[in-house]
């Protein structure tokens, strides 16, 4: 999971990225997030490589807390963080703006093989 935590850090914790789709499949214990542009945090900077859509899938979902209110306009990520890692799995917290939080505990995370802009 360290690779995912490092990727998130290099991508600015996906700050300002637009979520095109959140898909929860309780029967499969998965939750997927389709991100319109994984590099959006870098838009306008010289290192911005251009838009790249991608999907992050949380697998083996055991616990889920959803708190959304006052949703209007596009759903943008404020921070996508790995809060805790253990042998049993990983806990993530995704905060959105203008308001909303998702907390998930899962077994593993599948994420795109992307090259972050230089640090």
PDB file of N, CA and C in Angstrom:
ATOM      1  N   UNK A   1       0.812  -1.195   0.000  1.00  0.00           N
ATOM      2  CA  UNK A   1       0.000   0.000   0.000  1.00  0.00           C
ATOM      3  C   UNK A   1       0.852   1.254   0.000  1.00  0.00           C
ATOM      4  N   UNK A   2       2.101   1.127   0.369  1.00  0.00           N
ATOM      5  CA  UNK A   2       2.987   2.282   0.385  1.00  0.00           C
ATOM      6  C   UNK A   2       3.043   2.938  -0.990  1.00  0.00           C
ATOM      7  N   UNK A   3       3.012   2.131  -2.051  1.00  0.00           N
ATOM      8  CA  UNK A   3       3.046   2.701  -3.397  1.00  0.00           C
ATOM      9  C   UNK A   3       1.843   3.603  -3.641  1.00  0.00           C
ATOM     10  N   UNK A   4       0.665   3.188  -3.162  1.00  0.00           N
ATOM     11  CA  UNK A   4      -0.530   4.004  -3.345  1.00  0.00           C
ATOM     12  C   UNK A   4      -0.432   5.289  -2.530  1.00  0.00           C
ATOM     13  N   UNK A   5       0.026   5.169  -1.288  1.00  0.00           N
ATOM     14  CA  UNK A   5       0.188   6.356  -0.440  1.00  0.00           C
ATOM     15  C   UNK A   5       1.166   7.329  -1.092  1.00  0.00           C
ATOM     16  N   UNK A   6       2.261   6.798  -1.629  1.00  0.00           N
ATOM     17  CA  UNK A   6       3.256   7.645  -2.301  1.00  0.00           C
ATOM     18  C   UNK A   6       2.671   8.286  -3.557  1.00  0.00           C
ATOM     19  N   UNK A   7       1.922   7.499  -4.335  1.00  0.00           N
ATOM     20  CA  UNK A   7       1.292   8.039  -5.532  1.00  0.00           C
ATOM     21  C   UNK A   7       0.346   9.179  -5.175  1.00  0.00           C
ATOM     22  N   UNK A   8      -0.495   8.966  -4.157  1.00  0.00           N
ATOM     23  CA  UNK A   8      -1.406  10.031  -3.736  1.00  0.00           C
ATOM     24  C   UNK A   8      -0.645  11.294  -3.358  1.00  0.00           C
ATOM     25  N   UNK A   9       0.421  11.116  -2.604  1.00  0.00           N
ATOM     26  CA  UNK A   9       1.226  12.263  -2.192  1.00  0.00           C
ATOM     27  C   UNK A   9       1.799  12.998  -3.401  1.00  0.00           C
ATOM     28  N   UNK A  10       2.338  12.247  -4.356  1.00  0.00           N
ATOM     29  CA  UNK A  10       2.916  12.859  -5.564  1.00  0.00           C
ATOM     30  C   UNK A  10       1.867  13.540  -6.436  1.00  0.00           C
ATOM     31  N   UNK A  11       0.602  13.061  -6.323  1.00  0.00           N
ATOM     32  CA  UNK A  11      -0.487  13.662  -7.090  1.00  0.00           C
ATOM     33  C   UNK A  11      -1.241  14.718  -6.268  1.00  0.00           C
ATOM     34  N   UNK A  12      -0.637  15.168  -5.178  1.00  0.00           N
ATOM     35  CA  UNK A  12      -1.262  16.215  -4.364  1.00  0.00           C
ATOM     36  C   UNK A  12      -2.530  15.746  -3.674  1.00  0.00           C
ATOM     37  N   UNK A  13      -2.581  14.447  -3.322  1.00  0.00           N
ATOM     38  CA  UNK A  13      -3.755  13.834  -2.685  1.00  0.00           C
ATOM     39  C   UNK A  13      -5.026  14.056  -3.500  1.00  0.00           C
ATOM     40  N   UNK A  14      -4.829  14.194  -4.831  1.00  0.00           N
ATOM     41  CA  UNK A  14      -5.920  14.368  -5.799  1.00  0.00           C
ATOM     42  C   UNK A  14      -6.751  15.626  -5.538  1.00  0.00           C
ATOM     43  N   UNK A  15      -6.137  16.599  -4.868  1.00  0.00           N
ATOM     44  CA  UNK A  15      -6.819  17.861  -4.563  1.00  0.00           C
ATOM     45  C   UNK A  15      -7.390  18.491  -5.826  1.00  0.00           C
ATOM     46  N   UNK A  16      -8.647  18.883  -5.763  1.00  0.00           N
ATOM     47  CA  UNK A  16      -9.385  19.556  -6.842  1.00  0.00           C
ATOM     48  C   UNK A  16      -9.793  18.636  -7.991  1.00  0.00           C
ATOM     49  N   UNK A  17      -9.435  17.351  -7.938  1.00  0.00           N
ATOM     50  CA  UNK A  17      -9.839  16.431  -9.009  1.00  0.00           C
ATOM     51  C   UNK A  17     -11.347  16.195  -8.953  1.00  0.00           C
ATOM     52  N   UNK A  18     -11.952  16.105 -10.113  1.00  0.00           N
ATOM     53  CA  UNK A  18     -13.387  15.868 -10.212  1.00  0.00           C
ATOM     54  C   UNK A  18     -13.677  14.371 -10.238  1.00  0.00           C
ATOM     55  N   UNK A  19     -14.632  13.955  -9.410  1.00  0.00           N
ATOM     56  CA  UNK A  19     -15.079  12.561  -9.401  1.00  0.00           C
ATOM     57  C   UNK A  19     -16.246  12.454 -10.378  1.00  0.00           C
ATOM     58  N   UNK A  20     -16.043  11.699 -11.444  1.00  0.00           N
ATOM     59  CA  UNK A  20     -17.082  11.521 -12.453  1.00  0.00           C
ATOM     60  C   UNK A  20     -18.107  10.476 -12.013  1.00  0.00           C
ATOM     61  N   UNK A  21     -17.645   9.496 -11.205  1.00  0.00           N
ATOM     62  CA  UNK A  21     -18.542   8.419 -10.782  1.00  0.00           C
ATOM     63  C   UNK A  21     -18.020   7.778  -9.507  1.00  0.00           C
ATOM     64  N   UNK A  22     -18.927   7.540  -8.571  1.00  0.00           N
ATOM     65  CA  UNK A  22     -18.646   6.692  -7.406  1.00  0.00           C
ATOM     66  C   UNK A  22     -19.553   5.483  -7.558  1.00  0.00           C
ATOM     67  N   UNK A  23     -18.947   4.299  -7.529  1.00  0.00           N
ATOM     68  CA  UNK A  23     -19.711   3.075  -7.729  1.00  0.00           C
ATOM     69  C   UNK A  23     -19.472   2.127  -6.556  1.00  0.00           C
ATOM     70  N   UNK A  24     -20.530   1.859  -5.812  1.00  0.00           N
ATOM     71  CA  UNK A  24     -20.439   0.954  -4.672  1.00  0.00           C
ATOM     72  C   UNK A  24     -21.169  -0.329  -5.032  1.00  0.00           C
ATOM     73  N   UNK A  25     -20.461  -1.447  -4.939  1.00  0.00           N
ATOM     74  CA  UNK A  25     -21.040  -2.761  -5.219  1.00  0.00           C
ATOM     75  C   UNK A  25     -20.938  -3.604  -3.949  1.00  0.00           C
ATOM     76  N   UNK A  26     -21.944  -3.491  -3.075  1.00  0.00           N
ATOM     77  CA  UNK A  26     -21.877  -4.216  -1.798  1.00  0.00           C
ATOM     78  C   UNK A  26     -21.729  -5.724  -1.956  1.00  0.00           C
ATOM     79  N   UNK A  27     -22.386  -6.299  -2.966  1.00  0.00           N
ATOM     80  CA  UNK A  27     -22.294  -7.742  -3.167  1.00  0.00           C
ATOM     81  C   UNK A  27     -20.889  -8.193  -3.536  1.00  0.00           C
ATOM     82  N   UNK A  28     -20.128  -7.305  -4.178  1.00  0.00           N
ATOM     83  CA  UNK A  28     -18.742  -7.615  -4.548  1.00  0.00           C
ATOM     84  C   UNK A  28     -17.728  -7.019  -3.568  1.00  0.00           C
ATOM     85  N   UNK A  29     -18.234  -6.275  -2.595  1.00  0.00           N
ATOM     86  CA  UNK A  29     -17.393  -5.587  -1.604  1.00  0.00           C
ATOM     87  C   UNK A  29     -16.371  -4.676  -2.265  1.00  0.00           C
ATOM     88  N   UNK A  30     -16.814  -3.932  -3.280  1.00  0.00           N
ATOM     89  CA  UNK A  30     -15.922  -2.980  -3.947  1.00  0.00           C
ATOM     90  C   UNK A  30     -16.559  -1.601  -4.001  1.00  0.00           C
ATOM     91  N   UNK A  31     -15.702  -0.603  -4.055  1.00  0.00           N
ATOM     92  CA  UNK A  31     -16.127   0.775  -4.279  1.00  0.00           C
ATOM     93  C   UNK A  31     -15.133   1.393  -5.244  1.00  0.00           C
ATOM     94  N   UNK A  32     -15.644   1.927  -6.344  1.00  0.00           N
ATOM     95  CA  UNK A  32     -14.781   2.512  -7.361  1.00  0.00           C
ATOM     96  C   UNK A  32     -15.009   4.004  -7.502  1.00  0.00           C
ATOM     97  N   UNK A  33     -13.952   4.696  -7.843  1.00  0.00           N
ATOM     98  CA  UNK A  33     -13.987   6.132  -8.070  1.00  0.00           C
ATOM     99  C   UNK A  33     -13.397   6.409  -9.447  1.00  0.00           C
ATOM    100  N   UNK A  34     -14.199   6.957 -10.334  1.00  0.00           N
ATOM    101  CA  UNK A  34     -13.685   7.368 -11.633  1.00  0.00           C
ATOM    102  C   UNK A  34     -13.330   8.840 -11.537  1.00  0.00           C
ATOM    103  N   UNK A  35     -12.055   9.116 -11.768  1.00  0.00           N
ATOM    104  CA  UNK A  35     -11.523  10.471 -11.654  1.00  0.00           C
ATOM    105  C   UNK A  35     -11.353  11.028 -13.069  1.00  0.00           C
ATOM    106  N   UNK A  36     -11.902  12.208 -13.305  1.00  0.00           N
ATOM    107  CA  UNK A  36     -11.876  12.804 -14.644  1.00  0.00           C
ATOM    108  C   UNK A  36     -10.449  13.104 -15.102  1.00  0.00           C
ATOM    109  N   UNK A  37      -9.614  13.612 -14.208  1.00  0.00           N
ATOM    110  CA  UNK A  37      -8.222  13.936 -14.547  1.00  0.00           C
ATOM    111  C   UNK A  37      -7.364  13.769 -13.303  1.00  0.00           C
ATOM    112  N   UNK A  38      -6.588  12.694 -13.264  1.00  0.00           N
ATOM    113  CA  UNK A  38      -5.724  12.425 -12.112  1.00  0.00           C
ATOM    114  C   UNK A  38      -4.660  13.499 -11.914  1.00  0.00           C
ATOM    115  N   UNK A  39      -4.330  14.233 -12.959  1.00  0.00           N
ATOM    116  CA  UNK A  39      -3.301  15.271 -12.891  1.00  0.00           C
ATOM    117  C   UNK A  39      -3.868  16.664 -12.662  1.00  0.00           C
ATOM    118  N   UNK A  40      -5.168  16.802 -12.425  1.00  0.00           N
ATOM    119  CA  UNK A  40      -5.798  18.119 -12.389  1.00  0.00           C
ATOM    120  C   UNK A  40      -5.153  19.066 -11.389  1.00  0.00           C
ATOM    121  N   UNK A  41      -4.628  18.540 -10.296  1.00  0.00           N
ATOM    122  CA  UNK A  41      -3.968  19.371  -9.291  1.00  0.00           C
ATOM    123  C   UNK A  41      -2.807  20.176  -9.891  1.00  0.00           C
ATOM    124  N   UNK A  42      -2.289  19.736 -11.022  1.00  0.00           N
ATOM    125  CA  UNK A  42      -1.137  20.390 -11.647  1.00  0.00           C
ATOM    126  C   UNK A  42      -1.526  21.275 -12.832  1.00  0.00           C
ATOM    127  N   UNK A  43      -2.818  21.355 -13.132  1.00  0.00           N
ATOM    128  CA  UNK A  43      -3.248  22.154 -14.283  1.00  0.00           C
ATOM    129  C   UNK A  43      -2.749  23.588 -14.144  1.00  0.00           C
ATOM    130  N   UNK A  44      -2.207  24.108 -15.231  1.00  0.00           N
ATOM    131  CA  UNK A  44      -1.673  25.466 -15.239  1.00  0.00           C
ATOM    132  C   UNK A  44      -0.199  25.552 -14.879  1.00  0.00           C
ATOM    133  N   UNK A  45       0.370  24.456 -14.384  1.00  0.00           N
ATOM    134  CA  UNK A  45       1.796  24.440 -14.038  1.00  0.00           C
ATOM    135  C   UNK A  45       2.597  23.884 -15.216  1.00  0.00           C
ATOM    136  N   UNK A  46       3.861  24.250 -15.320  1.00  0.00           N
ATOM    137  CA  UNK A  46       4.682  23.770 -16.438  1.00  0.00           C
ATOM    138  C   UNK A  46       4.784  22.246 -16.522  1.00  0.00           C
ATOM    139  N   UNK A  47       4.691  21.537 -15.382  1.00  0.00           N
ATOM    140  CA  UNK A  47       4.818  20.075 -15.372  1.00  0.00           C
ATOM    141  C   UNK A  47       3.515  19.349 -15.676  1.00  0.00           C
ATOM    142  N   UNK A  48       2.420  20.084 -15.905  1.00  0.00           N
ATOM    143  CA  UNK A  48       1.124  19.445 -16.175  1.00  0.00           C
ATOM    144  C   UNK A  48       1.212  18.665 -17.476  1.00  0.00           C
ATOM    145  N   UNK A  49       1.068  17.321 -17.417  1.00  0.00           N
ATOM    146  CA  UNK A  49       1.225  16.506 -18.621  1.00  0.00           C
ATOM    147  C   UNK A  49      -0.030  16.425 -19.493  1.00  0.00           C
ATOM    148  N   UNK A  50      -1.114  17.037 -19.049  1.00  0.00           N
ATOM    149  CA  UNK A  50      -2.375  16.940 -19.772  1.00  0.00           C
ATOM    150  C   UNK A  50      -3.313  16.012 -19.023  1.00  0.00           C
ATOM    151  N   UNK A  51      -4.594  16.024 -19.382  1.00  0.00           N
ATOM    152  CA  UNK A  51      -5.570  15.239 -18.630  1.00  0.00           C
ATOM    153  C   UNK A  51      -5.385  13.729 -18.786  1.00  0.00           C
ATOM    154  N   UNK A  52      -5.645  13.025 -17.698  1.00  0.00           N
ATOM    155  CA  UNK A  52      -5.592  11.567 -17.701  1.00  0.00           C
ATOM    156  C   UNK A  52      -6.674  11.047 -16.756  1.00  0.00           C
ATOM    157  N   UNK A  53      -7.714  10.448 -17.325  1.00  0.00           N
ATOM    158  CA  UNK A  53      -8.771   9.850 -16.501  1.00  0.00           C
ATOM    159  C   UNK A  53      -8.265   8.532 -15.921  1.00  0.00           C
ATOM    160  N   UNK A  54      -8.805   8.155 -14.775  1.00  0.00           N
ATOM    161  CA  UNK A  54      -8.404   6.893 -14.161  1.00  0.00           C
ATOM    162  C   UNK A  54      -9.406   6.441 -13.121  1.00  0.00           C
ATOM    163  N   UNK A  55      -9.289   5.174 -12.742  1.00  0.00           N
ATOM    164  CA  UNK A  55     -10.202   4.581 -11.766  1.00  0.00           C
ATOM    165  C   UNK A  55      -9.413   4.008 -10.597  1.00  0.00           C
ATOM    166  N   UNK A  56      -9.868   4.319  -9.401  1.00  0.00           N
ATOM    167  CA  UNK A  56      -9.318   3.757  -8.173  1.00  0.00           C
ATOM    168  C   UNK A  56     -10.404   2.856  -7.604  1.00  0.00           C
ATOM    169  N   UNK A  57     -10.047   1.602  -7.300  1.00  0.00           N
ATOM    170  CA  UNK A  57     -11.030   0.652  -6.780  1.00  0.00           C
ATOM    171  C   UNK A  57     -10.582   0.128  -5.418  1.00  0.00           C
ATOM    172  N   UNK A  58     -11.446   0.290  -4.441  1.00  0.00           N
ATOM    173  CA  UNK A  58     -11.219  -0.251  -3.110  1.00  0.00           C
ATOM    174  C   UNK A  58     -11.854  -1.625  -3.082  1.00  0.00           C
ATOM    175  N   UNK A  59     -11.063  -2.646  -2.776  1.00  0.00           N
ATOM    176  CA  UNK A  59     -11.526  -4.031  -2.819  1.00  0.00           C
ATOM    177  C   UNK A  59     -11.576  -4.621  -1.419  1.00  0.00           C
ATOM    178  N   UNK A  60     -12.524  -5.508  -1.203  1.00  0.00           N
ATOM    179  CA  UNK A  60     -12.685  -6.116   0.120  1.00  0.00           C
ATOM    180  C   UNK A  60     -13.187  -5.112   1.141  1.00  0.00           C
ATOM    181  N   UNK A  61     -14.139  -4.280   0.742  1.00  0.00           N
ATOM    182  CA  UNK A  61     -14.674  -3.239   1.628  1.00  0.00           C
ATOM    183  C   UNK A  61     -15.374  -3.886   2.818  1.00  0.00           C
ATOM    184  N   UNK A  62     -14.955  -3.483   4.024  1.00  0.00           N
ATOM    185  CA  UNK A  62     -15.534  -4.011   5.258  1.00  0.00           C
ATOM    186  C   UNK A  62     -16.348  -2.963   5.999  1.00  0.00           C
ATOM    187  N   UNK A  63     -15.898  -1.730   5.985  1.00  0.00           N
ATOM    188  CA  UNK A  63     -16.587  -0.647   6.696  1.00  0.00           C
ATOM    189  C   UNK A  63     -16.682   0.546   5.761  1.00  0.00           C
ATOM    190  N   UNK A  64     -17.828   1.207   5.823  1.00  0.00           N
ATOM    191  CA  UNK A  64     -18.061   2.360   4.964  1.00  0.00           C
ATOM    192  C   UNK A  64     -18.893   3.383   5.722  1.00  0.00           C
ATOM    193  N   UNK A  65     -18.417   4.621   5.725  1.00  0.00           N
ATOM    194  CA  UNK A  65     -19.158   5.737   6.308  1.00  0.00           C
ATOM    195  C   UNK A  65     -19.268   6.816   5.242  1.00  0.00           C
ATOM    196  N   UNK A  66     -20.496   7.249   5.003  1.00  0.00           N
ATOM    197  CA  UNK A  66     -20.745   8.274   3.994  1.00  0.00           C
ATOM    198  C   UNK A  66     -21.447   9.444   4.670  1.00  0.00           C
ATOM    199  N   UNK A  67     -20.921  10.642   4.458  1.00  0.00           N
ATOM    200  CA  UNK A  67     -21.537  11.853   4.999  1.00  0.00           C
ATOM    201  C   UNK A  67     -21.471  12.939   3.939  1.00  0.00           C
ATOM    202  N   UNK A  68     -22.552  13.113   3.209  1.00  0.00           N
ATOM    203  CA  UNK A  68     -22.651  14.152   2.187  1.00  0.00           C
ATOM    204  C   UNK A  68     -23.833  15.050   2.513  1.00  0.00           C
ATOM    205  N   UNK A  69     -23.650  16.328   2.299  1.00  0.00           N
ATOM    206  CA  UNK A  69     -24.752  17.277   2.443  1.00  0.00           C
ATOM    207  C   UNK A  69     -24.449  18.495   1.581  1.00  0.00           C
ATOM    208  N   UNK A  70     -25.492  19.169   1.195  1.00  0.00           N
ATOM    209  CA  UNK A  70     -25.364  20.386   0.374  1.00  0.00           C
ATOM    210  C   UNK A  70     -24.557  20.148  -0.889  1.00  0.00           C
ATOM    211  N   UNK A  71     -24.850  19.051  -1.589  1.00  0.00           N
ATOM    212  CA  UNK A  71     -24.131  18.744  -2.824  1.00  0.00           C
ATOM    213  C   UNK A  71     -24.696  19.597  -3.957  1.00  0.00           C
ATOM    214  N   UNK A  72     -23.812  20.300  -4.625  1.00  0.00           N
ATOM    215  CA  UNK A  72     -24.215  21.066  -5.807  1.00  0.00           C
ATOM    216  C   UNK A  72     -23.006  21.193  -6.722  1.00  0.00           C
ATOM    217  N   UNK A  73     -23.264  21.133  -8.011  1.00  0.00           N
ATOM    218  CA  UNK A  73     -22.167  21.243  -8.970  1.00  0.00           C
ATOM    219  C   UNK A  73     -21.319  19.990  -8.986  1.00  0.00           C
ATOM    220  N   UNK A  74     -20.142  20.082  -9.610  1.00  0.00           N
ATOM    221  CA  UNK A  74     -19.272  18.898  -9.690  1.00  0.00           C
ATOM    222  C   UNK A  74     -18.754  18.489  -8.312  1.00  0.00           C
ATOM    223  N   UNK A  75     -18.532  17.193  -8.155  1.00  0.00           N
ATOM    224  CA  UNK A  75     -17.988  16.665  -6.904  1.00  0.00           C
ATOM    225  C   UNK A  75     -16.472  16.659  -7.024  1.00  0.00           C
ATOM    226  N   UNK A  76     -15.823  17.486  -6.225  1.00  0.00           N
ATOM    227  CA  UNK A  76     -14.362  17.598  -6.268  1.00  0.00           C
ATOM    228  C   UNK A  76     -13.748  17.082  -4.976  1.00  0.00           C
ATOM    229  N   UNK A  77     -12.590  16.473  -5.128  1.00  0.00           N
ATOM    230  CA  UNK A  77     -11.866  15.932  -3.975  1.00  0.00           C
ATOM    231  C   UNK A  77     -11.087  17.052  -3.303  1.00  0.00           C
ATOM    232  N   UNK A  78     -11.212  17.114  -1.997  1.00  0.00           N
ATOM    233  CA  UNK A  78     -10.345  18.004  -1.234  1.00  0.00           C
ATOM    234  C   UNK A  78      -9.055  17.250  -0.898  1.00  0.00           C
ATOM    235  N   UNK A  79      -9.210  16.034  -0.320  1.00  0.00           N
ATOM    236  CA  UNK A  79      -8.055  15.174  -0.032  1.00  0.00           C
ATOM    237  C   UNK A  79      -8.467  13.717  -0.098  1.00  0.00           C
ATOM    238  N   UNK A  80      -7.593  12.906  -0.653  1.00  0.00           N
ATOM    239  CA  UNK A  80      -7.757  11.450  -0.665  1.00  0.00           C
ATOM    240  C   UNK A  80      -6.560  10.920   0.115  1.00  0.00           C
ATOM    241  N   UNK A  81      -6.807  10.414   1.318  1.00  0.00           N
ATOM    242  CA  UNK A  81      -5.719  10.032   2.214  1.00  0.00           C
ATOM    243  C   UNK A  81      -5.793   8.581   2.658  1.00  0.00           C
ATOM    244  N   UNK A  82      -4.630   7.952   2.768  1.00  0.00           N
ATOM    245  CA  UNK A  82      -4.510   6.666   3.448  1.00  0.00           C
ATOM    246  C   UNK A  82      -4.288   7.018   4.909  1.00  0.00           C
ATOM    247  N   UNK A  83      -5.251   6.676   5.752  1.00  0.00           N
ATOM    248  CA  UNK A  83      -5.162   7.029   7.168  1.00  0.00           C
ATOM    249  C   UNK A  83      -4.417   5.993   7.991  1.00  0.00           C
ATOM    250  N   UNK A  84      -4.607   4.712   7.638  1.00  0.00           N
ATOM    251  CA  UNK A  84      -4.016   3.650   8.449  1.00  0.00           C
ATOM    252  C   UNK A  84      -3.808   2.414   7.596  1.00  0.00           C
ATOM    253  N   UNK A  85      -2.680   1.762   7.813  1.00  0.00           N
ATOM    254  CA  UNK A  85      -2.382   0.501   7.136  1.00  0.00           C
ATOM    255  C   UNK A  85      -2.079  -0.550   8.184  1.00  0.00           C
ATOM    256  N   UNK A  86      -2.561  -1.774   7.935  1.00  0.00           N
ATOM    257  CA  UNK A  86      -2.257  -2.885   8.828  1.00  0.00           C
ATOM    258  C   UNK A  86      -2.283  -4.168   8.006  1.00  0.00           C
ATOM    259  N   UNK A  87      -1.987  -5.279   8.655  1.00  0.00           N
ATOM    260  CA  UNK A  87      -2.040  -6.579   7.979  1.00  0.00           C
ATOM    261  C   UNK A  87      -3.448  -6.866   7.481  1.00  0.00           C
ATOM    262  N   UNK A  88      -4.445  -6.390   8.216  1.00  0.00           N
ATOM    263  CA  UNK A  88      -5.847  -6.659   7.880  1.00  0.00           C
ATOM    264  C   UNK A  88      -6.343  -5.821   6.704  1.00  0.00           C
ATOM    265  N   UNK A  89      -5.693  -4.699   6.444  1.00  0.00           N
ATOM    266  CA  UNK A  89      -6.154  -3.845   5.350  1.00  0.00           C
ATOM    267  C   UNK A  89      -5.731  -2.408   5.511  1.00  0.00           C
ATOM    268  N   UNK A  90      -6.509  -1.552   4.884  1.00  0.00           N
ATOM    269  CA  UNK A  90      -6.171  -0.137   4.846  1.00  0.00           C
ATOM    270  C   UNK A  90      -7.432   0.697   5.065  1.00  0.00           C
ATOM    271  N   UNK A  91      -7.265   1.807   5.759  1.00  0.00           N
ATOM    272  CA  UNK A  91      -8.366   2.745   5.976  1.00  0.00           C
ATOM    273  C   UNK A  91      -8.067   4.012   5.194  1.00  0.00           C
ATOM    274  N   UNK A  92      -9.035   4.442   4.391  1.00  0.00           N
ATOM    275  CA  UNK A  92      -8.870   5.677   3.622  1.00  0.00           C
ATOM    276  C   UNK A  92      -9.971   6.651   4.002  1.00  0.00           C
ATOM    277  N   UNK A  93      -9.653   7.928   3.846  1.00  0.00           N
ATOM    278  CA  UNK A  93     -10.629   8.999   4.043  1.00  0.00           C
ATOM    279  C   UNK A  93     -10.563   9.901   2.823  1.00  0.00           C
ATOM    280  N   UNK A  94     -11.722  10.162   2.250  1.00  0.00           N
ATOM    281  CA  UNK A  94     -11.801  11.055   1.105  1.00  0.00           C
ATOM    282  C   UNK A  94     -12.725  12.196   1.508  1.00  0.00           C
ATOM    283  N   UNK A  95     -12.185  13.403   1.519  1.00  0.00           N
ATOM    284  CA  UNK A  95     -13.017  14.564   1.798  1.00  0.00           C
ATOM    285  C   UNK A  95     -13.271  15.286   0.490  1.00  0.00           C
ATOM    286  N   UNK A  96     -14.469  15.821   0.369  1.00  0.00           N
ATOM    287  CA  UNK A  96     -14.901  16.504  -0.841  1.00  0.00           C
ATOM    288  C   UNK A  96     -15.265  17.936  -0.505  1.00  0.00           C
ATOM    289  N   UNK A  97     -15.241  18.783  -1.513  1.00  0.00           N
ATOM    290  CA  UNK A  97     -15.757  20.125  -1.310  1.00  0.00           C
ATOM    291  C   UNK A  97     -16.843  20.370  -2.337  1.00  0.00           C
ATOM    292  N   UNK A  98     -17.861  21.069  -1.968  1.00  0.00           N
ATOM    293  CA  UNK A  98     -17.906  21.938  -0.796  1.00  0.00           C
ATOM    294  C   UNK A  98     -18.126  21.199   0.519  1.00  0.00           C
ATOM    295  N   UNK A  99     -18.733  20.000   0.508  1.00  0.00           N
ATOM    296  CA  UNK A  99     -18.955  19.294   1.768  1.00  0.00           C
ATOM    297  C   UNK A  99     -19.150  17.808   1.502  1.00  0.00           C
ATOM    298  N   UNK A 100     -18.514  16.995   2.300  1.00  0.00           N
ATOM    299  CA  UNK A 100     -18.717  15.559   2.201  1.00  0.00           C
ATOM    300  C   UNK A 100     -17.485  14.786   2.603  1.00  0.00           C
ATOM    301  N   UNK A 101     -17.716  13.612   3.173  1.00  0.00           N
ATOM    302  CA  UNK A 101     -16.627  12.725   3.586  1.00  0.00           C
ATOM    303  C   UNK A 101     -17.042  11.283   3.354  1.00  0.00           C
ATOM    304  N   UNK A 102     -16.088  10.509   2.881  1.00  0.00           N
ATOM    305  CA  UNK A 102     -16.237   9.059   2.735  1.00  0.00           C
ATOM    306  C   UNK A 102     -15.081   8.417   3.487  1.00  0.00           C
ATOM    307  N   UNK A 103     -15.381   7.472   4.359  1.00  0.00           N
ATOM    308  CA  UNK A 103     -14.339   6.720   5.051  1.00  0.00           C
ATOM    309  C   UNK A 103     -14.573   5.248   4.745  1.00  0.00           C
ATOM    310  N   UNK A 104     -13.505   4.566   4.344  1.00  0.00           N
ATOM    311  CA  UNK A 104     -13.623   3.170   3.938  1.00  0.00           C
ATOM    312  C   UNK A 104     -12.466   2.373   4.514  1.00  0.00           C
ATOM    313  N   UNK A 105     -12.777   1.185   5.010  1.00  0.00           N
ATOM    314  CA  UNK A 105     -11.756   0.216   5.392  1.00  0.00           C
ATOM    315  C   UNK A 105     -11.882  -0.940   4.412  1.00  0.00           C
ATOM    316  N   UNK A 106     -10.756  -1.290   3.787  1.00  0.00           N
ATOM    317  CA  UNK A 106     -10.793  -2.319   2.754  1.00  0.00           C
ATOM    318  C   UNK A 106      -9.531  -3.178   2.814  1.00  0.00           C
ATOM    319  N   UNK A 107      -9.552  -4.254   2.034  1.00  0.00           N
ATOM    320  CA  UNK A 107      -8.421  -5.178   2.010  1.00  0.00           C
ATOM    321  C   UNK A 107      -7.280  -4.711   1.131  1.00  0.00           C
ATOM    322  N   UNK A 108      -7.628  -4.129  -0.025  1.00  0.00           N
ATOM    323  CA  UNK A 108      -6.575  -3.643  -0.919  1.00  0.00           C
ATOM    324  C   UNK A 108      -7.138  -2.587  -1.853  1.00  0.00           C
ATOM    325  N   UNK A 109      -6.233  -1.889  -2.535  1.00  0.00           N
ATOM    326  CA  UNK A 109      -6.615  -0.822  -3.450  1.00  0.00           C
ATOM    327  C   UNK A 109      -5.976  -1.072  -4.806  1.00  0.00           C
ATOM    328  N   UNK A 110      -6.810  -1.072  -5.839  1.00  0.00           N
ATOM    329  CA  UNK A 110      -6.316  -1.174  -7.216  1.00  0.00           C
ATOM    330  C   UNK A 110      -6.315   0.242  -7.792  1.00  0.00           C
ATOM    331  N   UNK A 111      -5.200   0.623  -8.388  1.00  0.00           N
ATOM    332  CA  UNK A 111      -5.093   1.982  -8.906  1.00  0.00           C
ATOM    333  C   UNK A 111      -4.324   1.979 -10.213  1.00  0.00           C
ATOM    334  N   UNK A 112      -4.538   3.011 -11.023  1.00  0.00           N
ATOM    335  CA  UNK A 112      -3.883   3.050 -12.321  1.00  0.00           C
ATOM    336  C   UNK A 112      -2.370   3.216 -12.205  1.00  0.00           C
ATOM    337  N   UNK A 113      -1.679   2.699 -13.166  1.00  0.00           N
ATOM    338  CA  UNK A 113      -0.225   2.841 -13.232  1.00  0.00           C
ATOM    339  C   UNK A 113       0.063   4.171 -13.939  1.00  0.00           C
ATOM    340  N   UNK A 114       0.150   5.219 -13.145  1.00  0.00           N
ATOM    341  CA  UNK A 114       0.386   6.551 -13.704  1.00  0.00           C
ATOM    342  C   UNK A 114       1.735   7.070 -13.252  1.00  0.00           C
ATOM    343  N   UNK A 115       2.279   7.923 -14.038  1.00  0.00           N
ATOM    344  CA  UNK A 115       3.548   8.566 -13.726  1.00  0.00           C
ATOM    345  C   UNK A 115       3.283   9.958 -13.210  1.00  0.00           C
ATOM    346  N   UNK A 116       3.516  10.189 -11.913  1.00  0.00           N
ATOM    347  CA  UNK A 116       3.280  11.532 -11.387  1.00  0.00           C
ATOM    348  C   UNK A 116       4.273  12.533 -11.983  1.00  0.00           C
ATOM    349  N   UNK A 117       3.863  13.786 -12.103  1.00  0.00           N
ATOM    350  CA  UNK A 117       4.820  14.814 -12.517  1.00  0.00           C
ATOM    351  C   UNK A 117       6.012  14.843 -11.569  1.00  0.00           C
ATOM    352  N   UNK A 118       7.141  15.338 -12.025  1.00  0.00           N
ATOM    353  CA  UNK A 118       8.336  15.387 -11.158  1.00  0.00           C
ATOM    354  C   UNK A 118       8.074  16.140  -9.861  1.00  0.00           C
ATOM    355  N   UNK A 119       8.686  15.671  -8.797  1.00  0.00           N
ATOM    356  CA  UNK A 119       8.502  16.308  -7.477  1.00  0.00           C
ATOM    357  C   UNK A 119       9.300  17.588  -7.395  1.00  0.00           C
TER     358      UNK A 119
END
